[in-house]
Amino acid sequence: MELNWSTFIFEMINFLVLVWLLKRLLYAPVLNAIATRKKAVEQTLEEAEKIRTAAQQLQKTYEDRLRDWEKEKEAKVAQFQRDLAEQKAHAMAVLENDLTKEREKQKALDERRLAELVRRQEEEALELAGRFSSRLLARLAGPEVETRIVDMFLNEIKALPEDRIQELKNGFRNHTQPVAEIKTAFALTAGEKDALSESLSSLLGKPVSCQFSEDPKLLAGLHVAMGPLVLQANVRDELAWFLHTDTHEQ
């Protein structure tokens, strides 16, 4: 078979033209498209990397903030527990103080009630004893008992302390001759009257005018009223001798 060089050359030219056309019209746009696509992918990857980096940074920020919030929460809880414990301790102290005061008040109230009960019982006992003594002495009262009471009265006057005697004298300093009203349950003898007058005059350091009278209600004994001074020693008053002195000048 004989090679046709003209046909071969023509085919080669056609092939080269075809390659040029393909390169010019098809391959270059494909390469450009591939390059553009690659560039777009690279940009997308860069943006994705930036987004990933930003997301990682944001995640780290959130994680740090979460840890800070957790620490802050723990600190707040601890502070709350401390405050709660302090308030509880304060409330318990206040309650204990109130309970102590209430116990003290109740104790004082109980003591007052007990003291009042004891006082009432003592008063009732004294009243009963007084009634018994009064009834007994009322039955035993008589001239003999009165004589002994008068003797006791005279001895008590002589046994008064010096400061008490001086106080009585000062109370009657402005009285020239004090008057003594002496009441007895029974009539006194002349000797008893003289003894009473002398004792009262000696007590005040000046003459005392005595006025005697009888009062059967005294049962036995005497009642002496001399200005502001009152002396009692009689069965009616349960043989209690009450001495009351008023030093005010008349």
C-alpha atoms as a PDB file:
ATOM      1  CA  MET A   1       0.000   0.000   0.000  1.00  0.00           C
ATOM      2  CA  GLU A   2       1.489   3.272  -1.032  1.00  0.00           C
ATOM      3  CA  LEU A   3       1.455   6.170   1.538  1.00  0.00           C
ATOM      4  CA  ASN A   4      -0.257   9.281   0.274  1.00  0.00           C
ATOM      5  CA  TRP A   5       1.752  12.053   1.731  1.00  0.00           C
ATOM      6  CA  SER A   6      -0.665  14.713   0.738  1.00  0.00           C
ATOM      7  CA  THR A   7      -3.471  12.968   2.499  1.00  0.00           C
ATOM      8  CA  PHE A   8      -1.244  12.395   5.541  1.00  0.00           C
ATOM      9  CA  ILE A   9      -0.280  16.009   5.693  1.00  0.00           C
ATOM     10  CA  PHE A  10      -3.843  17.060   5.232  1.00  0.00           C
ATOM     11  CA  GLU A  11      -4.930  14.768   8.068  1.00  0.00           C
ATOM     12  CA  MET A  12      -2.180  16.110  10.269  1.00  0.00           C
ATOM     13  CA  ILE A  13      -3.311  19.611   9.537  1.00  0.00           C
ATOM     14  CA  ASN A  14      -6.869  18.647  10.324  1.00  0.00           C
ATOM     15  CA  PHE A  15      -5.721  17.050  13.572  1.00  0.00           C
ATOM     16  CA  LEU A  16      -3.726  20.104  14.600  1.00  0.00           C
ATOM     17  CA  VAL A  17      -6.612  22.352  13.706  1.00  0.00           C
ATOM     18  CA  LEU A  18      -8.884  20.113  15.703  1.00  0.00           C
ATOM     19  CA  VAL A  19      -6.514  20.194  18.687  1.00  0.00           C
ATOM     20  CA  TRP A  20      -6.262  23.949  18.439  1.00  0.00           C
ATOM     21  CA  LEU A  21      -9.993  24.303  18.205  1.00  0.00           C
ATOM     22  CA  LEU A  22     -10.488  21.979  21.161  1.00  0.00           C
ATOM     23  CA  LYS A  23      -7.938  23.871  23.179  1.00  0.00           C
ATOM     24  CA  ARG A  24      -9.292  27.176  22.159  1.00  0.00           C
ATOM     25  CA  LEU A  25     -12.956  26.492  22.364  1.00  0.00           C
ATOM     26  CA  LEU A  26     -13.265  23.649  24.914  1.00  0.00           C
ATOM     27  CA  TYR A  27     -10.213  22.997  27.060  1.00  0.00           C
ATOM     28  CA  ALA A  28      -9.508  26.627  28.016  1.00  0.00           C
ATOM     29  CA  PRO A  29     -13.044  27.269  29.273  1.00  0.00           C
ATOM     30  CA  VAL A  30     -12.966  23.967  31.154  1.00  0.00           C
ATOM     31  CA  LEU A  31      -9.660  24.899  32.769  1.00  0.00           C
ATOM     32  CA  ASN A  32     -10.969  28.346  33.561  1.00  0.00           C
ATOM     33  CA  ALA A  33     -14.099  26.795  35.022  1.00  0.00           C
ATOM     34  CA  ILE A  34     -11.989  24.350  37.009  1.00  0.00           C
ATOM     35  CA  ALA A  35      -9.719  27.172  38.216  1.00  0.00           C
ATOM     36  CA  THR A  36     -12.721  29.317  39.125  1.00  0.00           C
ATOM     37  CA  ARG A  37     -14.309  26.382  40.901  1.00  0.00           C
ATOM     38  CA  LYS A  38     -11.076  25.613  42.706  1.00  0.00           C
ATOM     39  CA  LYS A  39     -10.745  29.229  43.752  1.00  0.00           C
ATOM     40  CA  ALA A  40     -14.346  29.256  44.955  1.00  0.00           C
ATOM     41  CA  VAL A  41     -13.739  26.041  46.876  1.00  0.00           C
ATOM     42  CA  GLU A  42     -10.576  27.496  48.400  1.00  0.00           C
ATOM     43  CA  GLN A  43     -12.462  30.640  49.404  1.00  0.00           C
ATOM     44  CA  THR A  44     -15.237  28.488  50.814  1.00  0.00           C
ATOM     45  CA  LEU A  45     -12.668  26.457  52.703  1.00  0.00           C
ATOM     46  CA  GLU A  46     -11.016  29.637  53.970  1.00  0.00           C
ATOM     47  CA  GLU A  47     -14.380  30.995  55.080  1.00  0.00           C
ATOM     48  CA  ALA A  48     -15.229  27.638  56.645  1.00  0.00           C
ATOM     49  CA  GLU A  49     -11.870  27.670  58.449  1.00  0.00           C
ATOM     50  CA  LYS A  50     -12.548  31.194  59.642  1.00  0.00           C
ATOM     51  CA  ILE A  51     -16.013  30.141  60.774  1.00  0.00           C
ATOM     52  CA  ARG A  52     -14.555  27.049  62.456  1.00  0.00           C
ATOM     53  CA  THR A  53     -11.882  29.158  64.155  1.00  0.00           C
ATOM     54  CA  ALA A  54     -14.507  31.693  65.238  1.00  0.00           C
ATOM     55  CA  ALA A  55     -16.742  28.853  66.430  1.00  0.00           C
ATOM     56  CA  GLN A  56     -13.869  27.347  68.376  1.00  0.00           C
ATOM     57  CA  GLN A  57     -13.066  30.741  69.880  1.00  0.00           C
ATOM     58  CA  LEU A  58     -16.736  31.293  70.662  1.00  0.00           C
ATOM     59  CA  GLN A  59     -16.951  27.805  72.165  1.00  0.00           C
ATOM     60  CA  LYS A  60     -13.858  28.520  74.268  1.00  0.00           C
ATOM     61  CA  THR A  61     -15.385  31.834  75.337  1.00  0.00           C
ATOM     62  CA  TYR A  62     -18.628  30.119  76.249  1.00  0.00           C
ATOM     63  CA  GLU A  63     -16.772  27.368  78.075  1.00  0.00           C
ATOM     64  CA  ASP A  64     -14.723  29.946  79.982  1.00  0.00           C
ATOM     65  CA  ARG A  65     -17.857  31.902  80.776  1.00  0.00           C
ATOM     66  CA  LEU A  66     -19.615  28.702  81.818  1.00  0.00           C
ATOM     67  CA  ARG A  67     -16.721  27.867  84.146  1.00  0.00           C
ATOM     68  CA  ASP A  68     -16.824  31.408  85.512  1.00  0.00           C
ATOM     69  CA  TRP A  69     -20.565  31.124  85.999  1.00  0.00           C
ATOM     70  CA  GLU A  70     -20.090  27.783  87.710  1.00  0.00           C
ATOM     71  CA  LYS A  71     -17.465  29.280  90.029  1.00  0.00           C
ATOM     72  CA  GLU A  72     -19.683  32.290  90.654  1.00  0.00           C
ATOM     73  CA  LYS A  73     -22.620  29.987  91.337  1.00  0.00           C
ATOM     74  CA  GLU A  74     -20.539  27.967  93.795  1.00  0.00           C
ATOM     75  CA  ALA A  75     -19.354  31.181  95.448  1.00  0.00           C
ATOM     76  CA  LYS A  76     -22.952  32.470  95.650  1.00  0.00           C
ATOM     77  CA  VAL A  77     -24.144  29.150  97.070  1.00  0.00           C
ATOM     78  CA  ALA A  78     -21.327  29.148  99.618  1.00  0.00           C
ATOM     79  CA  GLN A  79     -22.087  32.779 100.562  1.00  0.00           C
ATOM     80  CA  PHE A  80     -25.781  31.959 100.782  1.00  0.00           C
ATOM     81  CA  GLN A  81     -25.039  29.022 103.040  1.00  0.00           C
ATOM     82  CA  ARG A  82     -22.817  31.217 105.238  1.00  0.00           C
ATOM     83  CA  ASP A  83     -25.469  33.933 105.400  1.00  0.00           C
ATOM     84  CA  LEU A  84     -28.124  31.318 106.133  1.00  0.00           C
ATOM     85  CA  ALA A  85     -25.956  29.816 108.874  1.00  0.00           C
ATOM     86  CA  GLU A  86     -25.334  33.296 110.359  1.00  0.00           C
ATOM     87  CA  GLN A  87     -29.031  34.160 110.233  1.00  0.00           C
ATOM     88  CA  LYS A  88     -29.883  30.811 111.753  1.00  0.00           C
ATOM     89  CA  ALA A  89     -27.315  31.321 114.509  1.00  0.00           C
ATOM     90  CA  HIS A  90     -28.614  34.859 115.103  1.00  0.00           C
ATOM     91  CA  ALA A  91     -32.209  33.639 115.163  1.00  0.00           C
ATOM     92  CA  MET A  92     -31.272  30.849 117.565  1.00  0.00           C
ATOM     93  CA  ALA A  93     -29.437  33.341 119.783  1.00  0.00           C
ATOM     94  CA  VAL A  94     -32.424  35.692 119.769  1.00  0.00           C
ATOM     95  CA  LEU A  95     -34.742  32.780 120.482  1.00  0.00           C
ATOM     96  CA  GLU A  96     -32.514  31.533 123.291  1.00  0.00           C
ATOM     97  CA  ASN A  97     -32.349  35.059 124.712  1.00  0.00           C
ATOM     98  CA  ASP A  98     -36.125  35.390 124.522  1.00  0.00           C
ATOM     99  CA  LEU A  99     -36.550  31.977 126.117  1.00  0.00           C
ATOM    100  CA  THR A 100     -34.109  32.939 128.870  1.00  0.00           C
ATOM    101  CA  LYS A 101     -35.986  36.181 129.512  1.00  0.00           C
ATOM    102  CA  GLU A 102     -39.292  34.325 129.450  1.00  0.00           C
ATOM    103  CA  ARG A 103     -37.928  31.739 131.886  1.00  0.00           C
ATOM    104  CA  GLU A 104     -36.644  34.536 134.123  1.00  0.00           C
ATOM    105  CA  LYS A 105     -40.012  36.280 133.948  1.00  0.00           C
ATOM    106  CA  GLN A 106     -41.810  33.041 134.699  1.00  0.00           C
ATOM    107  CA  LYS A 107     -39.387  32.335 137.524  1.00  0.00           C
ATOM    108  CA  ALA A 108     -39.895  35.815 138.959  1.00  0.00           C
ATOM    109  CA  LEU A 109     -43.656  35.408 138.566  1.00  0.00           C
ATOM    110  CA  ASP A 110     -43.545  32.030 140.282  1.00  0.00           C
ATOM    111  CA  GLU A 111     -41.396  33.484 143.056  1.00  0.00           C
ATOM    112  CA  ARG A 112     -43.837  36.376 143.505  1.00  0.00           C
ATOM    113  CA  ARG A 113     -46.757  33.964 143.526  1.00  0.00           C
ATOM    114  CA  LEU A 114     -44.962  31.758 146.031  1.00  0.00           C
ATOM    115  CA  ALA A 115     -44.035  34.764 148.175  1.00  0.00           C
ATOM    116  CA  GLU A 116     -47.621  35.996 147.992  1.00  0.00           C
ATOM    117  CA  LEU A 117     -48.883  32.540 148.933  1.00  0.00           C
ATOM    118  CA  VAL A 118     -46.435  32.346 151.836  1.00  0.00           C
ATOM    119  CA  ARG A 119     -47.395  35.864 152.922  1.00  0.00           C
ATOM    120  CA  ARG A 120     -51.085  34.997 152.818  1.00  0.00           C
ATOM    121  CA  GLN A 121     -50.469  31.800 154.715  1.00  0.00           C
ATOM    122  CA  GLU A 122     -48.419  33.711 157.258  1.00  0.00           C
ATOM    123  CA  GLU A 123     -51.138  36.335 157.555  1.00  0.00           C
ATOM    124  CA  GLU A 124     -53.775  33.641 157.942  1.00  0.00           C
ATOM    125  CA  ALA A 125     -51.618  31.869 160.516  1.00  0.00           C
ATOM    126  CA  LEU A 126     -51.022  35.124 162.383  1.00  0.00           C
ATOM    127  CA  GLU A 127     -54.698  35.963 162.175  1.00  0.00           C
ATOM    128  CA  LEU A 128     -55.642  32.550 163.503  1.00  0.00           C
ATOM    129  CA  ALA A 129     -53.005  32.815 166.216  1.00  0.00           C
ATOM    130  CA  GLY A 130     -54.219  36.312 167.050  1.00  0.00           C
ATOM    131  CA  ARG A 131     -57.809  35.177 167.251  1.00  0.00           C
ATOM    132  CA  PHE A 132     -56.851  32.259 169.429  1.00  0.00           C
ATOM    133  CA  SER A 133     -54.680  34.470 171.645  1.00  0.00           C
ATOM    134  CA  SER A 134     -57.354  37.128 171.831  1.00  0.00           C
ATOM    135  CA  ARG A 135     -60.048  34.633 172.801  1.00  0.00           C
ATOM    136  CA  LEU A 136     -57.769  32.980 175.316  1.00  0.00           C
ATOM    137  CA  LEU A 137     -56.593  36.250 176.817  1.00  0.00           C
ATOM    138  CA  ALA A 138     -60.120  37.635 176.790  1.00  0.00           C
ATOM    139  CA  ARG A 139     -61.147  34.744 179.013  1.00  0.00           C
ATOM    140  CA  LEU A 140     -58.107  35.191 181.229  1.00  0.00           C
ATOM    141  CA  ALA A 141     -58.329  38.990 181.359  1.00  0.00           C
ATOM    142  CA  GLY A 142     -58.887  40.482 184.778  1.00  0.00           C
ATOM    143  CA  PRO A 143     -57.503  42.945 187.324  1.00  0.00           C
ATOM    144  CA  GLU A 144     -54.551  40.646 188.038  1.00  0.00           C
ATOM    145  CA  VAL A 145     -53.574  40.544 184.347  1.00  0.00           C
ATOM    146  CA  GLU A 146     -53.945  44.298 184.087  1.00  0.00           C
ATOM    147  CA  THR A 147     -51.681  44.786 187.121  1.00  0.00           C
ATOM    148  CA  ARG A 148     -49.001  42.688 185.448  1.00  0.00           C
ATOM    149  CA  ILE A 149     -49.438  44.622 182.174  1.00  0.00           C
ATOM    150  CA  VAL A 150     -49.026  47.924 183.990  1.00  0.00           C
ATOM    151  CA  ASP A 151     -45.860  46.627 185.672  1.00  0.00           C
ATOM    152  CA  MET A 152     -44.571  45.458 182.282  1.00  0.00           C
ATOM    153  CA  PHE A 153     -45.404  48.862 180.771  1.00  0.00           C
ATOM    154  CA  LEU A 154     -43.478  50.660 183.531  1.00  0.00           C
ATOM    155  CA  ASN A 155     -40.475  48.373 183.092  1.00  0.00           C
ATOM    156  CA  GLU A 156     -40.518  48.887 179.307  1.00  0.00           C
ATOM    157  CA  ILE A 157     -40.497  52.658 179.734  1.00  0.00           C
ATOM    158  CA  LYS A 158     -37.489  52.433 182.034  1.00  0.00           C
ATOM    159  CA  ALA A 159     -35.697  50.170 179.546  1.00  0.00           C
ATOM    160  CA  LEU A 160     -36.073  52.527 176.553  1.00  0.00           C
ATOM    161  CA  PRO A 161     -32.706  53.393 174.936  1.00  0.00           C
ATOM    162  CA  GLU A 162     -31.267  56.830 175.560  1.00  0.00           C
ATOM    163  CA  ASP A 163     -31.572  57.989 171.941  1.00  0.00           C
ATOM    164  CA  ARG A 164     -35.276  57.076 171.941  1.00  0.00           C
ATOM    165  CA  ILE A 165     -35.830  58.949 175.204  1.00  0.00           C
ATOM    166  CA  GLN A 166     -34.047  61.993 173.781  1.00  0.00           C
ATOM    167  CA  GLU A 167     -36.215  61.836 170.667  1.00  0.00           C
ATOM    168  CA  LEU A 168     -39.369  61.816 172.803  1.00  0.00           C
ATOM    169  CA  LYS A 169     -38.102  64.754 174.862  1.00  0.00           C
ATOM    170  CA  ASN A 170     -37.407  66.735 171.697  1.00  0.00           C
ATOM    171  CA  GLY A 171     -40.928  66.002 170.503  1.00  0.00           C
ATOM    172  CA  PHE A 172     -42.420  67.614 173.632  1.00  0.00           C
ATOM    173  CA  ARG A 173     -39.879  70.421 173.973  1.00  0.00           C
ATOM    174  CA  ASN A 174     -42.473  73.122 173.315  1.00  0.00           C
ATOM    175  CA  HIS A 175     -45.039  71.605 175.688  1.00  0.00           C
ATOM    176  CA  THR A 176     -44.924  73.169 179.166  1.00  0.00           C
ATOM    177  CA  GLN A 177     -46.994  70.445 180.805  1.00  0.00           C
ATOM    178  CA  PRO A 178     -48.061  67.640 178.473  1.00  0.00           C
ATOM    179  CA  VAL A 179     -51.417  65.997 179.097  1.00  0.00           C
ATOM    180  CA  ALA A 180     -51.655  62.187 179.063  1.00  0.00           C
ATOM    181  CA  GLU A 181     -54.994  60.465 178.598  1.00  0.00           C
ATOM    182  CA  ILE A 182     -54.712  57.035 180.172  1.00  0.00           C
ATOM    183  CA  LYS A 183     -57.459  54.476 179.651  1.00  0.00           C
ATOM    184  CA  THR A 184     -57.560  51.137 181.474  1.00  0.00           C
ATOM    185  CA  ALA A 185     -59.976  48.226 181.460  1.00  0.00           C
ATOM    186  CA  PHE A 186     -60.193  48.238 185.255  1.00  0.00           C
ATOM    187  CA  ALA A 187     -59.782  50.960 187.861  1.00  0.00           C
ATOM    188  CA  LEU A 188     -56.180  51.601 188.846  1.00  0.00           C
ATOM    189  CA  THR A 189     -54.975  51.902 192.383  1.00  0.00           C
ATOM    190  CA  ALA A 190     -53.564  55.174 193.648  1.00  0.00           C
ATOM    191  CA  GLY A 191     -50.091  53.647 193.667  1.00  0.00           C
ATOM    192  CA  GLU A 192     -50.404  52.542 190.019  1.00  0.00           C
ATOM    193  CA  LYS A 193     -51.600  56.013 189.001  1.00  0.00           C
ATOM    194  CA  ASP A 194     -48.694  57.669 190.809  1.00  0.00           C
ATOM    195  CA  ALA A 195     -46.214  55.213 189.239  1.00  0.00           C
ATOM    196  CA  LEU A 196     -47.553  55.929 185.746  1.00  0.00           C
ATOM    197  CA  SER A 197     -47.414  59.715 186.298  1.00  0.00           C
ATOM    198  CA  GLU A 198     -43.849  59.534 187.623  1.00  0.00           C
ATOM    199  CA  SER A 199     -42.697  57.263 184.761  1.00  0.00           C
ATOM    200  CA  LEU A 200     -44.169  59.511 182.054  1.00  0.00           C
ATOM    201  CA  SER A 201     -42.779  62.664 183.718  1.00  0.00           C
ATOM    202  CA  SER A 202     -39.355  61.039 183.999  1.00  0.00           C
ATOM    203  CA  LEU A 203     -39.598  59.920 180.366  1.00  0.00           C
ATOM    204  CA  LEU A 204     -40.202  63.463 179.055  1.00  0.00           C
ATOM    205  CA  GLY A 205     -38.135  65.304 181.702  1.00  0.00           C
ATOM    206  CA  LYS A 206     -41.074  67.534 182.708  1.00  0.00           C
ATOM    207  CA  PRO A 207     -44.318  67.157 184.703  1.00  0.00           C
ATOM    208  CA  VAL A 208     -47.087  65.301 182.885  1.00  0.00           C
ATOM    209  CA  SER A 209     -50.761  65.835 183.762  1.00  0.00           C
ATOM    210  CA  CYS A 210     -52.455  62.418 183.658  1.00  0.00           C
ATOM    211  CA  GLN A 211     -56.190  61.990 183.076  1.00  0.00           C
ATOM    212  CA  PHE A 212     -57.433  58.490 183.927  1.00  0.00           C
ATOM    213  CA  SER A 213     -60.570  56.797 182.590  1.00  0.00           C
ATOM    214  CA  GLU A 214     -61.894  53.262 182.184  1.00  0.00           C
ATOM    215  CA  ASP A 215     -62.603  51.451 178.891  1.00  0.00           C
ATOM    216  CA  PRO A 216     -63.810  47.846 179.351  1.00  0.00           C
ATOM    217  CA  LYS A 217     -63.199  47.187 175.629  1.00  0.00           C
ATOM    218  CA  LEU A 218     -59.482  47.020 176.388  1.00  0.00           C
ATOM    219  CA  LEU A 219     -60.210  43.777 178.318  1.00  0.00           C
ATOM    220  CA  ALA A 220     -57.035  44.257 180.355  1.00  0.00           C
ATOM    221  CA  GLY A 221     -54.164  46.717 180.148  1.00  0.00           C
ATOM    222  CA  LEU A 222     -53.885  50.384 179.261  1.00  0.00           C
ATOM    223  CA  HIS A 223     -53.955  52.849 176.371  1.00  0.00           C
ATOM    224  CA  VAL A 224     -51.912  56.055 176.695  1.00  0.00           C
ATOM    225  CA  ALA A 225     -52.455  59.020 174.378  1.00  0.00           C
ATOM    226  CA  MET A 226     -50.151  61.979 174.973  1.00  0.00           C
ATOM    227  CA  GLY A 227     -50.290  64.494 172.132  1.00  0.00           C
ATOM    228  CA  PRO A 228     -48.749  62.823 169.112  1.00  0.00           C
ATOM    229  CA  LEU A 229     -47.446  59.953 171.258  1.00  0.00           C
ATOM    230  CA  VAL A 230     -49.584  56.813 171.550  1.00  0.00           C
ATOM    231  CA  LEU A 231     -48.582  53.890 173.788  1.00  0.00           C
ATOM    232  CA  GLN A 232     -50.658  50.712 173.815  1.00  0.00           C
ATOM    233  CA  ALA A 233     -50.327  47.650 176.027  1.00  0.00           C
ATOM    234  CA  ASN A 234     -53.659  45.880 176.365  1.00  0.00           C
ATOM    235  CA  VAL A 235     -55.318  42.579 175.640  1.00  0.00           C
ATOM    236  CA  ARG A 236     -57.592  44.100 173.002  1.00  0.00           C
ATOM    237  CA  ASP A 237     -54.579  44.823 170.874  1.00  0.00           C
ATOM    238  CA  GLU A 238     -53.302  41.280 171.492  1.00  0.00           C
ATOM    239  CA  LEU A 239     -50.769  42.516 174.021  1.00  0.00           C
ATOM    240  CA  ALA A 240     -48.808  44.149 171.186  1.00  0.00           C
ATOM    241  CA  TRP A 241     -47.127  47.361 172.272  1.00  0.00           C
ATOM    242  CA  PHE A 242     -47.048  49.788 169.347  1.00  0.00           C
ATOM    243  CA  LEU A 243     -45.058  52.929 169.848  1.00  0.00           C
ATOM    244  CA  HIS A 244     -45.806  55.764 167.403  1.00  0.00           C
ATOM    245  CA  THR A 245     -44.157  59.165 167.780  1.00  0.00           C
ATOM    246  CA  ASP A 246     -44.911  62.281 165.764  1.00  0.00           C
ATOM    247  CA  THR A 247     -42.285  64.966 166.363  1.00  0.00           C
ATOM    248  CA  HIS A 248     -44.192  67.685 164.515  1.00  0.00           C
ATOM    249  CA  GLU A 249     -44.800  70.636 166.793  1.00  0.00           C
ATOM    250  CA  GLN A 250     -48.416  71.446 167.610  1.00  0.00           C
END
